C-alpha atoms as a PDB file:
ATOM      1  CA  MET A   1       4.397 -27.794  12.188  1.00  0.00           C
ATOM      2  CA  SER A   2       4.860 -24.145  13.203  1.00  0.00           C
ATOM      3  CA  LYS A   3       2.648 -21.631  11.512  1.00  0.00           C
ATOM      4  CA  ILE A   4       3.798 -19.333   8.716  1.00  0.00           C
ATOM      5  CA  LEU A   5       2.689 -15.718   8.997  1.00  0.00           C
ATOM      6  CA  VAL A   6       1.514 -13.970   5.818  1.00  0.00           C
ATOM      7  CA  PHE A   7       1.259 -10.181   5.838  1.00  0.00           C
ATOM      8  CA  GLY A   8       1.505  -6.982   3.828  1.00  0.00           C
ATOM      9  CA  HIS A   9       3.383  -3.813   4.741  1.00  0.00           C
ATOM     10  CA  GLN A  10       3.050  -1.532   7.755  1.00  0.00           C
ATOM     11  CA  ASN A  11       0.091   0.891   7.648  1.00  0.00           C
ATOM     12  CA  PRO A  12      -1.653  -1.643   5.438  1.00  0.00           C
ATOM     13  CA  ASP A  13      -3.802  -0.459   2.555  1.00  0.00           C
ATOM     14  CA  THR A  14      -6.499  -2.502   0.841  1.00  0.00           C
ATOM     15  CA  ASP A  15      -4.070  -4.266  -1.500  1.00  0.00           C
ATOM     16  CA  ALA A  16      -1.801  -5.287   1.391  1.00  0.00           C
ATOM     17  CA  ILE A  17      -4.712  -6.796   3.304  1.00  0.00           C
ATOM     18  CA  ALA A  18      -6.365  -8.392   0.268  1.00  0.00           C
ATOM     19  CA  SER A  19      -3.237  -9.951  -1.222  1.00  0.00           C
ATOM     20  CA  SER A  20      -2.055 -11.426   2.088  1.00  0.00           C
ATOM     21  CA  TYR A  21      -5.498 -12.801   2.950  1.00  0.00           C
ATOM     22  CA  ALA A  22      -5.877 -14.409  -0.461  1.00  0.00           C
ATOM     23  CA  TRP A  23      -2.303 -15.717  -0.616  1.00  0.00           C
ATOM     24  CA  SER A  24      -2.664 -17.338   2.794  1.00  0.00           C
ATOM     25  CA  TYR A  25      -5.845 -19.064   1.574  1.00  0.00           C
ATOM     26  CA  LEU A  26      -4.020 -20.226  -1.557  1.00  0.00           C
ATOM     27  CA  GLU A  27      -1.112 -21.615   0.489  1.00  0.00           C
ATOM     28  CA  GLN A  28      -3.546 -23.619   2.607  1.00  0.00           C
ATOM     29  CA  THR A  29      -5.786 -24.795  -0.240  1.00  0.00           C
ATOM     30  CA  ALA A  30      -3.338 -25.481  -3.055  1.00  0.00           C
ATOM     31  CA  TRP A  31      -0.263 -26.559  -1.088  1.00  0.00           C
ATOM     32  CA  GLY A  32      -1.547 -27.545   2.360  1.00  0.00           C
ATOM     33  CA  ARG A  33       0.707 -25.203   4.310  1.00  0.00           C
ATOM     34  CA  ASN A  34      -0.012 -23.980   7.827  1.00  0.00           C
ATOM     35  CA  THR A  35      -0.330 -20.252   7.224  1.00  0.00           C
ATOM     36  CA  GLU A  36      -1.997 -17.458   9.155  1.00  0.00           C
ATOM     37  CA  MET A  37      -2.797 -14.063   7.650  1.00  0.00           C
ATOM     38  CA  VAL A  38      -2.055 -11.136   9.964  1.00  0.00           C
ATOM     39  CA  ALA A  39      -1.760  -7.373   9.568  1.00  0.00           C
ATOM     40  CA  LEU A  40       0.951  -4.929  10.633  1.00  0.00           C
ATOM     41  CA  GLY A  41      -1.567  -2.238  11.520  1.00  0.00           C
ATOM     42  CA  ALA A  42      -5.247  -1.454  11.678  1.00  0.00           C
ATOM     43  CA  PRO A  43      -7.169  -1.351   8.386  1.00  0.00           C
ATOM     44  CA  ASN A  44      -7.965   2.122   7.085  1.00  0.00           C
ATOM     45  CA  GLU A  45     -11.544   3.230   6.403  1.00  0.00           C
ATOM     46  CA  GLU A  46     -11.470   2.084   2.787  1.00  0.00           C
ATOM     47  CA  THR A  47     -10.279  -1.382   3.783  1.00  0.00           C
ATOM     48  CA  ALA A  48     -12.779  -1.544   6.644  1.00  0.00           C
ATOM     49  CA  PHE A  49     -15.525  -0.842   4.083  1.00  0.00           C
ATOM     50  CA  VAL A  50     -14.262  -3.726   1.945  1.00  0.00           C
ATOM     51  CA  LEU A  51     -14.025  -6.199   4.820  1.00  0.00           C
ATOM     52  CA  ASP A  52     -17.520  -5.316   5.977  1.00  0.00           C
ATOM     53  CA  TYR A  53     -18.961  -5.462   2.451  1.00  0.00           C
ATOM     54  CA  PHE A  54     -17.693  -8.992   1.841  1.00  0.00           C
ATOM     55  CA  GLY A  55     -18.194 -10.243   5.397  1.00  0.00           C
ATOM     56  CA  VAL A  56     -14.513 -10.847   6.128  1.00  0.00           C
ATOM     57  CA  GLN A  57     -13.259 -10.633   9.701  1.00  0.00           C
ATOM     58  CA  THR A  58     -10.675  -7.961  10.505  1.00  0.00           C
ATOM     59  CA  PRO A  59      -7.277  -9.702  10.688  1.00  0.00           C
ATOM     60  CA  PRO A  60      -5.284  -9.838  13.926  1.00  0.00           C
ATOM     61  CA  ILE A  61      -2.689  -7.101  14.259  1.00  0.00           C
ATOM     62  CA  VAL A  62       0.850  -8.153  15.188  1.00  0.00           C
ATOM     63  CA  LYS A  63       4.128  -6.363  15.810  1.00  0.00           C
ATOM     64  CA  SER A  64       6.571  -9.271  15.975  1.00  0.00           C
ATOM     65  CA  ALA A  65       6.676 -12.662  14.258  1.00  0.00           C
ATOM     66  CA  LYS A  66       8.649 -14.279  17.053  1.00  0.00           C
ATOM     67  CA  ALA A  67       6.110 -13.050  19.602  1.00  0.00           C
ATOM     68  CA  GLU A  68       3.490 -15.006  17.639  1.00  0.00           C
ATOM     69  CA  GLY A  69       5.599 -18.144  17.729  1.00  0.00           C
ATOM     70  CA  ALA A  70       6.485 -17.907  14.033  1.00  0.00           C
ATOM     71  CA  SER A  71       9.946 -18.214  12.539  1.00  0.00           C
ATOM     72  CA  GLN A  72       8.835 -18.205   8.901  1.00  0.00           C
ATOM     73  CA  VAL A  73       6.984 -15.481   7.011  1.00  0.00           C
ATOM     74  CA  ILE A  74       5.598 -14.626   3.581  1.00  0.00           C
ATOM     75  CA  LEU A  75       5.477 -11.007   2.437  1.00  0.00           C
ATOM     76  CA  THR A  76       2.909  -9.542   0.076  1.00  0.00           C
ATOM     77  CA  ASP A  77       2.752  -6.055  -1.430  1.00  0.00           C
ATOM     78  CA  HIS A  78       6.208  -5.094  -0.129  1.00  0.00           C
ATOM     79  CA  ASN A  79       9.785  -6.252   0.198  1.00  0.00           C
ATOM     80  CA  GLU A  80      11.721  -3.373   1.756  1.00  0.00           C
ATOM     81  CA  PHE A  81      12.655  -4.287   5.317  1.00  0.00           C
ATOM     82  CA  GLN A  82      11.857  -0.888   6.814  1.00  0.00           C
ATOM     83  CA  GLN A  83       8.257  -1.349   5.646  1.00  0.00           C
ATOM     84  CA  SER A  84       7.914  -4.826   7.156  1.00  0.00           C
ATOM     85  CA  ILE A  85       7.496  -6.522  10.534  1.00  0.00           C
ATOM     86  CA  SER A  86       9.795  -5.366  13.331  1.00  0.00           C
ATOM     87  CA  ASP A  87      11.857  -8.584  13.507  1.00  0.00           C
ATOM     88  CA  ILE A  88      12.012  -9.237   9.768  1.00  0.00           C
ATOM     89  CA  ARG A  89      15.790  -9.797   9.907  1.00  0.00           C
ATOM     90  CA  ASP A  90      15.359 -12.538  12.503  1.00  0.00           C
ATOM     91  CA  VAL A  91      12.933 -14.773  10.580  1.00  0.00           C
ATOM     92  CA  ASP A  92      13.084 -16.919   7.477  1.00  0.00           C
ATOM     93  CA  ILE A  93      11.358 -15.309   4.476  1.00  0.00           C
ATOM     94  CA  LEU A  94       9.778 -18.096   2.443  1.00  0.00           C
ATOM     95  CA  ALA A  95       8.184 -16.000  -0.305  1.00  0.00           C
ATOM     96  CA  VAL A  96       7.583 -12.478  -1.563  1.00  0.00           C
ATOM     97  CA  ILE A  97       4.606 -11.511  -3.749  1.00  0.00           C
ATOM     98  CA  ASP A  98       5.024  -7.906  -4.815  1.00  0.00           C
ATOM     99  CA  HIS A  99       4.664  -5.277  -7.540  1.00  0.00           C
ATOM    100  CA  HIS A 100       7.075  -2.628  -6.221  1.00  0.00           C
ATOM    101  CA  ARG A 101      10.765  -1.901  -6.639  1.00  0.00           C
ATOM    102  CA  VAL A 102      13.239  -4.152  -4.815  1.00  0.00           C
ATOM    103  CA  ALA A 103      15.434  -2.390  -2.262  1.00  0.00           C
ATOM    104  CA  ASN A 104      17.163  -3.099   1.067  1.00  0.00           C
ATOM    105  CA  PHE A 105      16.366  -6.786   0.693  1.00  0.00           C
ATOM    106  CA  GLU A 106      18.466  -9.849   1.378  1.00  0.00           C
ATOM    107  CA  THR A 107      17.875 -13.357   2.710  1.00  0.00           C
ATOM    108  CA  ALA A 108      20.033 -16.141   4.099  1.00  0.00           C
ATOM    109  CA  ASN A 109      18.170 -18.833   2.182  1.00  0.00           C
ATOM    110  CA  PRO A 110      16.623 -19.244  -1.286  1.00  0.00           C
ATOM    111  CA  LEU A 111      12.991 -18.236  -1.533  1.00  0.00           C
ATOM    112  CA  TYR A 112      10.013 -18.028  -3.848  1.00  0.00           C
ATOM    113  CA  MET A 113       9.929 -14.487  -5.202  1.00  0.00           C
ATOM    114  CA  ARG A 114       7.219 -13.321  -7.586  1.00  0.00           C
ATOM    115  CA  LEU A 115       7.528  -9.738  -8.738  1.00  0.00           C
ATOM    116  CA  GLU A 116       5.430  -8.355 -11.569  1.00  0.00           C
ATOM    117  CA  PRO A 117       5.002  -4.723 -12.728  1.00  0.00           C
ATOM    118  CA  VAL A 118       1.201  -4.882 -12.583  1.00  0.00           C
ATOM    119  CA  GLY A 119      -1.341  -2.645 -10.916  1.00  0.00           C
ATOM    120  CA  SER A 120      -1.534  -4.476  -7.617  1.00  0.00           C
ATOM    121  CA  ALA A 121      -0.212  -7.424  -5.647  1.00  0.00           C
ATOM    122  CA  SER A 122      -3.794  -8.678  -5.814  1.00  0.00           C
ATOM    123  CA  SER A 123      -3.396  -8.998  -9.596  1.00  0.00           C
ATOM    124  CA  ILE A 124      -0.463 -11.365  -9.069  1.00  0.00           C
ATOM    125  CA  VAL A 125      -2.356 -13.443  -6.522  1.00  0.00           C
ATOM    126  CA  PHE A 126      -5.289 -13.730  -8.931  1.00  0.00           C
ATOM    127  CA  ARG A 127      -2.988 -15.212 -11.571  1.00  0.00           C
ATOM    128  CA  ALA A 128      -1.612 -17.708  -9.066  1.00  0.00           C
ATOM    129  CA  PHE A 129      -5.161 -18.906  -8.351  1.00  0.00           C
ATOM    130  CA  LYS A 130      -5.704 -19.402 -12.082  1.00  0.00           C
ATOM    131  CA  GLU A 131      -2.395 -21.202 -12.567  1.00  0.00           C
ATOM    132  CA  THR A 132      -3.063 -23.632  -9.733  1.00  0.00           C
ATOM    133  CA  ARG A 133      -6.682 -24.068 -10.859  1.00  0.00           C
ATOM    134  CA  THR A 134      -7.857 -23.105  -7.406  1.00  0.00           C
ATOM    135  CA  GLU A 135     -11.443 -21.870  -7.221  1.00  0.00           C
ATOM    136  CA  ILE A 136     -11.727 -18.296  -6.000  1.00  0.00           C
ATOM    137  CA  PRO A 137     -14.403 -17.897  -3.303  1.00  0.00           C
ATOM    138  CA  LYS A 138     -16.724 -14.916  -3.669  1.00  0.00           C
ATOM    139  CA  GLU A 139     -15.293 -13.024  -0.692  1.00  0.00           C
ATOM    140  CA  ILE A 140     -11.710 -13.520  -1.850  1.00  0.00           C
ATOM    141  CA  ALA A 141     -12.634 -12.343  -5.336  1.00  0.00           C
ATOM    142  CA  GLY A 142     -14.126  -9.258  -3.691  1.00  0.00           C
ATOM    143  CA  LEU A 143     -10.962  -8.626  -1.707  1.00  0.00           C
ATOM    144  CA  LEU A 144      -8.679  -9.062  -4.719  1.00  0.00           C
ATOM    145  CA  LEU A 145     -10.897  -6.811  -6.822  1.00  0.00           C
ATOM    146  CA  SER A 146     -10.792  -4.194  -4.081  1.00  0.00           C
ATOM    147  CA  GLY A 147      -6.995  -4.354  -3.840  1.00  0.00           C
ATOM    148  CA  LEU A 148      -6.749  -3.789  -7.584  1.00  0.00           C
ATOM    149  CA  ILE A 149      -9.277  -0.928  -7.552  1.00  0.00           C
ATOM    150  CA  SER A 150      -7.508   0.713  -4.633  1.00  0.00           C
ATOM    151  CA  ASP A 151      -4.017   0.628  -6.097  1.00  0.00           C
ATOM    152  CA  THR A 152      -5.099   1.729  -9.585  1.00  0.00           C
ATOM    153  CA  LEU A 153      -7.816   4.202  -8.526  1.00  0.00           C
ATOM    154  CA  LEU A 154     -10.413   2.223 -10.415  1.00  0.00           C
ATOM    155  CA  LEU A 155      -8.036   1.482 -13.315  1.00  0.00           C
ATOM    156  CA  LYS A 156      -7.247   5.183 -13.918  1.00  0.00           C
ATOM    157  CA  SER A 157      -3.736   5.241 -12.461  1.00  0.00           C
ATOM    158  CA  PRO A 158      -0.692   4.986 -14.767  1.00  0.00           C
ATOM    159  CA  THR A 159       0.287   1.926 -12.727  1.00  0.00           C
ATOM    160  CA  THR A 160      -2.612   0.051 -14.330  1.00  0.00           C
ATOM    161  CA  HIS A 161      -1.221  -2.823 -16.398  1.00  0.00           C
ATOM    162  CA  ALA A 162      -2.753  -3.784 -19.737  1.00  0.00           C
ATOM    163  CA  SER A 163      -3.941  -7.033 -18.173  1.00  0.00           C
ATOM    164  CA  ASP A 164      -5.620  -5.420 -15.152  1.00  0.00           C
ATOM    165  CA  PRO A 165      -8.990  -4.414 -16.701  1.00  0.00           C
ATOM    166  CA  ALA A 166      -9.728  -8.015 -17.690  1.00  0.00           C
ATOM    167  CA  VAL A 167      -8.685  -9.188 -14.233  1.00  0.00           C
ATOM    168  CA  ALA A 168     -11.009  -6.629 -12.655  1.00  0.00           C
ATOM    169  CA  GLU A 169     -13.946  -7.669 -14.836  1.00  0.00           C
ATOM    170  CA  GLU A 170     -13.514 -11.356 -14.008  1.00  0.00           C
ATOM    171  CA  LEU A 171     -13.145 -10.702 -10.287  1.00  0.00           C
ATOM    172  CA  ALA A 172     -16.194  -8.395 -10.284  1.00  0.00           C
ATOM    173  CA  LYS A 173     -18.243 -11.163 -11.896  1.00  0.00           C
ATOM    174  CA  ILE A 174     -17.156 -13.713  -9.284  1.00  0.00           C
ATOM    175  CA  ALA A 175     -17.723 -11.218  -6.466  1.00  0.00           C
ATOM    176  CA  GLY A 176     -21.155 -10.305  -7.817  1.00  0.00           C
ATOM    177  CA  VAL A 177     -20.635  -6.546  -8.002  1.00  0.00           C
ATOM    178  CA  ASN A 178     -20.802  -3.842 -10.652  1.00  0.00           C
ATOM    179  CA  LEU A 179     -17.194  -2.792 -11.170  1.00  0.00           C
ATOM    180  CA  GLN A 180     -17.772   0.941 -11.600  1.00  0.00           C
ATOM    181  CA  GLU A 181     -20.488   1.345  -8.971  1.00  0.00           C
ATOM    182  CA  TYR A 182     -18.726  -0.706  -6.333  1.00  0.00           C
ATOM    183  CA  GLY A 183     -15.317   0.783  -7.137  1.00  0.00           C
ATOM    184  CA  LEU A 184     -16.469   4.376  -6.750  1.00  0.00           C
ATOM    185  CA  ALA A 185     -18.303   3.613  -3.495  1.00  0.00           C
ATOM    186  CA  MET A 186     -15.206   1.895  -2.138  1.00  0.00           C
ATOM    187  CA  LEU A 187     -12.859   4.740  -3.046  1.00  0.00           C
ATOM    188  CA  LYS A 188     -15.196   7.346  -1.581  1.00  0.00           C
ATOM    189  CA  ALA A 189     -15.331   5.371   1.676  1.00  0.00           C
ATOM    190  CA  GLY A 190     -11.614   6.029   2.045  1.00  0.00           C
ATOM    191  CA  THR A 191     -11.889   9.806   1.594  1.00  0.00           C
ATOM    192  CA  ASN A 192     -13.707  10.554   4.843  1.00  0.00           C
ATOM    193  CA  LEU A 193     -10.910  12.453   6.555  1.00  0.00           C
ATOM    194  CA  ALA A 194     -12.890  14.856   8.729  1.00  0.00           C
ATOM    195  CA  ASN A 195     -12.821  12.567  11.761  1.00  0.00           C
ATOM    196  CA  LYS A 196      -9.099  11.902  11.446  1.00  0.00           C
ATOM    197  CA  SER A 197      -6.584  13.740  13.591  1.00  0.00           C
ATOM    198  CA  ALA A 198      -3.678  15.304  11.745  1.00  0.00           C
ATOM    199  CA  ALA A 199      -1.365  12.616  13.154  1.00  0.00           C
ATOM    200  CA  GLU A 200      -3.680   9.895  11.849  1.00  0.00           C
ATOM    201  CA  LEU A 201      -4.044  11.607   8.493  1.00  0.00           C
ATOM    202  CA  VAL A 202      -0.307  11.702   7.753  1.00  0.00           C
ATOM    203  CA  ASP A 203       0.052   8.058   8.763  1.00  0.00           C
ATOM    204  CA  ILE A 204      -2.979   6.517   6.997  1.00  0.00           C
ATOM    205  CA  ASP A 205      -0.935   5.340   4.023  1.00  0.00           C
ATOM    206  CA  ALA A 206       2.729   6.108   4.593  1.00  0.00           C
ATOM    207  CA  LYS A 207       5.922   4.295   3.653  1.00  0.00           C
ATOM    208  CA  THR A 208       9.564   4.978   4.413  1.00  0.00           C
ATOM    209  CA  PHE A 209      12.160   4.905   1.637  1.00  0.00           C
ATOM    210  CA  GLU A 210      15.920   5.016   2.053  1.00  0.00           C
ATOM    211  CA  LEU A 211      17.154   7.449  -0.579  1.00  0.00           C
ATOM    212  CA  ASN A 212      20.897   7.938  -0.706  1.00  0.00           C
ATOM    213  CA  GLY A 213      21.237   7.591   3.058  1.00  0.00           C
ATOM    214  CA  ASN A 214      18.142   9.652   3.843  1.00  0.00           C
ATOM    215  CA  GLN A 215      15.057   8.216   5.489  1.00  0.00           C
ATOM    216  CA  VAL A 216      12.266   9.755   3.437  1.00  0.00           C
ATOM    217  CA  ARG A 217       8.657   9.272   4.486  1.00  0.00           C
ATOM    218  CA  VAL A 218       6.169   9.406   1.612  1.00  0.00           C
ATOM    219  CA  ALA A 219       2.499   9.467   2.626  1.00  0.00           C
ATOM    220  CA  GLN A 220      -0.680   9.682   0.578  1.00  0.00           C
ATOM    221  CA  VAL A 221      -4.271  10.611   1.364  1.00  0.00           C
ATOM    222  CA  ASN A 222      -7.152  10.390  -1.082  1.00  0.00           C
ATOM    223  CA  THR A 223      -9.851  13.026  -1.176  1.00  0.00           C
ATOM    224  CA  VAL A 224     -12.564  14.436  -3.404  1.00  0.00           C
ATOM    225  CA  ASP A 225     -11.465  18.005  -2.581  1.00  0.00           C
ATOM    226  CA  ILE A 226      -7.803  18.904  -2.078  1.00  0.00           C
ATOM    227  CA  ASN A 227      -8.714  22.219  -0.465  1.00  0.00           C
ATOM    228  CA  ASP A 228     -10.499  20.396   2.356  1.00  0.00           C
ATOM    229  CA  VAL A 229      -7.146  18.930   3.350  1.00  0.00           C
ATOM    230  CA  LEU A 230      -5.098  22.090   2.757  1.00  0.00           C
ATOM    231  CA  GLU A 231      -7.399  23.982   5.117  1.00  0.00           C
ATOM    232  CA  ARG A 232      -5.790  21.872   7.843  1.00  0.00           C
ATOM    233  CA  GLN A 233      -2.232  22.582   6.669  1.00  0.00           C
ATOM    234  CA  SER A 234      -1.027  24.105   9.923  1.00  0.00           C
ATOM    235  CA  GLU A 235      -1.994  21.131  12.088  1.00  0.00           C
ATOM    236  CA  ILE A 236      -0.837  18.702   9.403  1.00  0.00           C
ATOM    237  CA  GLU A 237       2.597  20.320   9.357  1.00  0.00           C
ATOM    238  CA  GLU A 238       2.825  20.065  13.139  1.00  0.00           C
ATOM    239  CA  ALA A 239       1.982  16.369  12.906  1.00  0.00           C
ATOM    240  CA  ILE A 240       4.613  15.892  10.197  1.00  0.00           C
ATOM    241  CA  LYS A 241       7.281  17.634  12.294  1.00  0.00           C
ATOM    242  CA  ALA A 242       6.399  15.468  15.295  1.00  0.00           C
ATOM    243  CA  SER A 243       6.666  12.339  13.145  1.00  0.00           C
ATOM    244  CA  GLN A 244      10.024  13.464  11.775  1.00  0.00           C
ATOM    245  CA  ALA A 245      11.385  14.114  15.260  1.00  0.00           C
ATOM    246  CA  ALA A 246      10.167  10.779  16.596  1.00  0.00           C
ATOM    247  CA  ASN A 247      11.417   8.681  13.678  1.00  0.00           C
ATOM    248  CA  ASN A 248      14.423  10.615  12.342  1.00  0.00           C
ATOM    249  CA  TYR A 249      12.915  11.149   8.913  1.00  0.00           C
ATOM    250  CA  SER A 250      15.073  13.576   6.980  1.00  0.00           C
ATOM    251  CA  ASP A 251      12.120  14.490   4.779  1.00  0.00           C
ATOM    252  CA  PHE A 252       8.370  14.025   4.714  1.00  0.00           C
ATOM    253  CA  VAL A 253       6.393  14.184   1.469  1.00  0.00           C
ATOM    254  CA  LEU A 254       2.597  14.091   1.614  1.00  0.00           C
ATOM    255  CA  MET A 255       0.554  13.427  -1.537  1.00  0.00           C
ATOM    256  CA  ILE A 256      -2.956  14.844  -1.327  1.00  0.00           C
ATOM    257  CA  THR A 257      -4.683  13.068  -4.202  1.00  0.00           C
ATOM    258  CA  ASP A 258      -7.944  14.088  -5.850  1.00  0.00           C
ATOM    259  CA  ILE A 259      -9.461  10.736  -6.883  1.00  0.00           C
ATOM    260  CA  LEU A 260     -12.083  12.346  -9.123  1.00  0.00           C
ATOM    261  CA  ASN A 261      -9.804  14.575 -11.203  1.00  0.00           C
ATOM    262  CA  SER A 262      -6.593  12.515 -10.918  1.00  0.00           C
ATOM    263  CA  ASN A 263      -4.283  15.245  -9.620  1.00  0.00           C
ATOM    264  CA  SER A 264      -2.248  15.728  -6.444  1.00  0.00           C
ATOM    265  CA  GLU A 265      -0.945  18.491  -4.252  1.00  0.00           C
ATOM    266  CA  ILE A 266       2.497  17.785  -2.800  1.00  0.00           C
ATOM    267  CA  LEU A 267       3.236  19.020   0.727  1.00  0.00           C
ATOM    268  CA  ALA A 268       6.891  18.648   1.674  1.00  0.00           C
ATOM    269  CA  LEU A 269       8.936  19.402   4.795  1.00  0.00           C
ATOM    270  CA  GLY A 270      12.493  18.469   5.672  1.00  0.00           C
ATOM    271  CA  ASN A 271      16.172  18.915   4.981  1.00  0.00           C
ATOM    272  CA  ASN A 272      16.045  18.364   1.221  1.00  0.00           C
ATOM    273  CA  THR A 273      13.056  20.257  -0.108  1.00  0.00           C
ATOM    274  CA  ASP A 274      15.286  21.472  -2.946  1.00  0.00           C
ATOM    275  CA  LYS A 275      15.566  17.859  -4.093  1.00  0.00           C
ATOM    276  CA  VAL A 276      11.799  17.493  -3.879  1.00  0.00           C
ATOM    277  CA  GLU A 277      11.422  20.573  -6.085  1.00  0.00           C
ATOM    278  CA  ALA A 278      13.990  19.225  -8.548  1.00  0.00           C
ATOM    279  CA  ALA A 279      12.233  15.852  -8.656  1.00  0.00           C
ATOM    280  CA  PHE A 280       9.005  17.372  -9.934  1.00  0.00           C
ATOM    281  CA  ASN A 281      10.314  20.536 -11.579  1.00  0.00           C
ATOM    282  CA  PHE A 282       8.098  22.785  -9.496  1.00  0.00           C
ATOM    283  CA  LYS A 283       8.520  25.433  -6.809  1.00  0.00           C
ATOM    284  CA  LEU A 284       7.081  24.844  -3.355  1.00  0.00           C
ATOM    285  CA  GLU A 285       5.089  27.786  -2.106  1.00  0.00           C
ATOM    286  CA  ASP A 286       4.110  27.702   1.539  1.00  0.00           C
ATOM    287  CA  ASN A 287       5.580  24.172   1.510  1.00  0.00           C
ATOM    288  CA  HIS A 288       3.268  22.787  -1.168  1.00  0.00           C
ATOM    289  CA  ALA A 289       2.814  22.652  -4.946  1.00  0.00           C
ATOM    290  CA  PHE A 290       0.370  21.211  -7.487  1.00  0.00           C
ATOM    291  CA  LEU A 291       1.362  18.094  -9.440  1.00  0.00           C
ATOM    292  CA  LYS A 292      -0.940  17.632 -12.394  1.00  0.00           C
ATOM    293  CA  GLY A 293      -1.938  14.089 -13.301  1.00  0.00           C
ATOM    294  CA  ALA A 294      -0.127  12.498 -10.369  1.00  0.00           C
ATOM    295  CA  VAL A 295      -2.019   9.775  -8.513  1.00  0.00           C
ATOM    296  CA  SER A 296       0.572   7.017  -8.048  1.00  0.00           C
ATOM    297  CA  ARG A 297       3.210   7.140  -5.322  1.00  0.00           C
ATOM    298  CA  LYS A 298       4.905   4.069  -6.800  1.00  0.00           C
ATOM    299  CA  LYS A 299       5.258   5.360 -10.353  1.00  0.00           C
ATOM    300  CA  GLN A 300       4.930   9.143 -10.242  1.00  0.00           C
ATOM    301  CA  VAL A 301       6.599  10.116  -6.967  1.00  0.00           C
ATOM    302  CA  VAL A 302       9.079   7.598  -5.538  1.00  0.00           C
ATOM    303  CA  PRO A 303      11.126   7.040  -8.745  1.00  0.00           C
ATOM    304  CA  GLN A 304      11.422  10.800  -9.278  1.00  0.00           C
ATOM    305  CA  LEU A 305      12.477  11.358  -5.676  1.00  0.00           C
ATOM    306  CA  THR A 306      14.974   8.507  -5.912  1.00  0.00           C
ATOM    307  CA  GLN A 307      16.603  10.015  -8.988  1.00  0.00           C
ATOM    308  CA  SER A 308      16.732  13.473  -7.459  1.00  0.00           C
ATOM    309  CA  PHE A 309      18.198  12.331  -4.133  1.00  0.00           C
ATOM    310  CA  ASN A 310      20.788  10.202  -5.917  1.00  0.00           C
ATOM    311  CA  GLY A 311      21.668  12.958  -8.370  1.00  0.00           C
END
């Protein structure tokens, strides 16, 4: 039996790694399938902290499913093809476990598709463990908890679902951690940007969205001081321009998110900055503007950009 690859999106964040690791374990344990969890990029510093904390080995990084001898895949934490593995159109998608919008997605065969508007893909995987009465090992509970904390900024993001706090509390108990203490330490581990080059910084957590024929790159970095990032604006803009030229992005939007005060600064370059301004009803000055209360790319940035670009 050929193996089935399970993976999250490109430039994987903690939820992408956690949900794919846990779902692969569930496939093996509950249904006896031959799955292998892989990643489509190196873990960021936050995720590296999580893997080290719970003693989980860094997953192998792959670029192509076919190169790994796999013709079947399972996607977690994404469904848009431009965010997935390079040969996604050439393999059979068996399942999708996601909490994002559905776009640019089609398959030749029926599949298992589980989409829920909750705070993280990890939240969905947790429910699947409960439904199948599969025991959650301590390290997997820690990963799922971390994916939920990461995507909801410790349950403070507007993407947090009403069911997520109870999920977090149960997972924290299984993982043997204090939710608030561990969550804050984890989030802070991902804000160490000083040793990142500008090119690395704008690609830490970035996704491409097709908006009315435009390839729009939306990236996000978390920090405890927005000004620390803006002090590097010149080199960041050069890195953004290089990324645009190399990948034909029409626009690049960078969210600089203050995880302590739950606000963001939006830095935008490209052909449609007027649409970016219209999306958030602000005026870019020196290519950036403050967006009060914005911490979620999924709920507070991408839908607004989509409406503006389609308007």
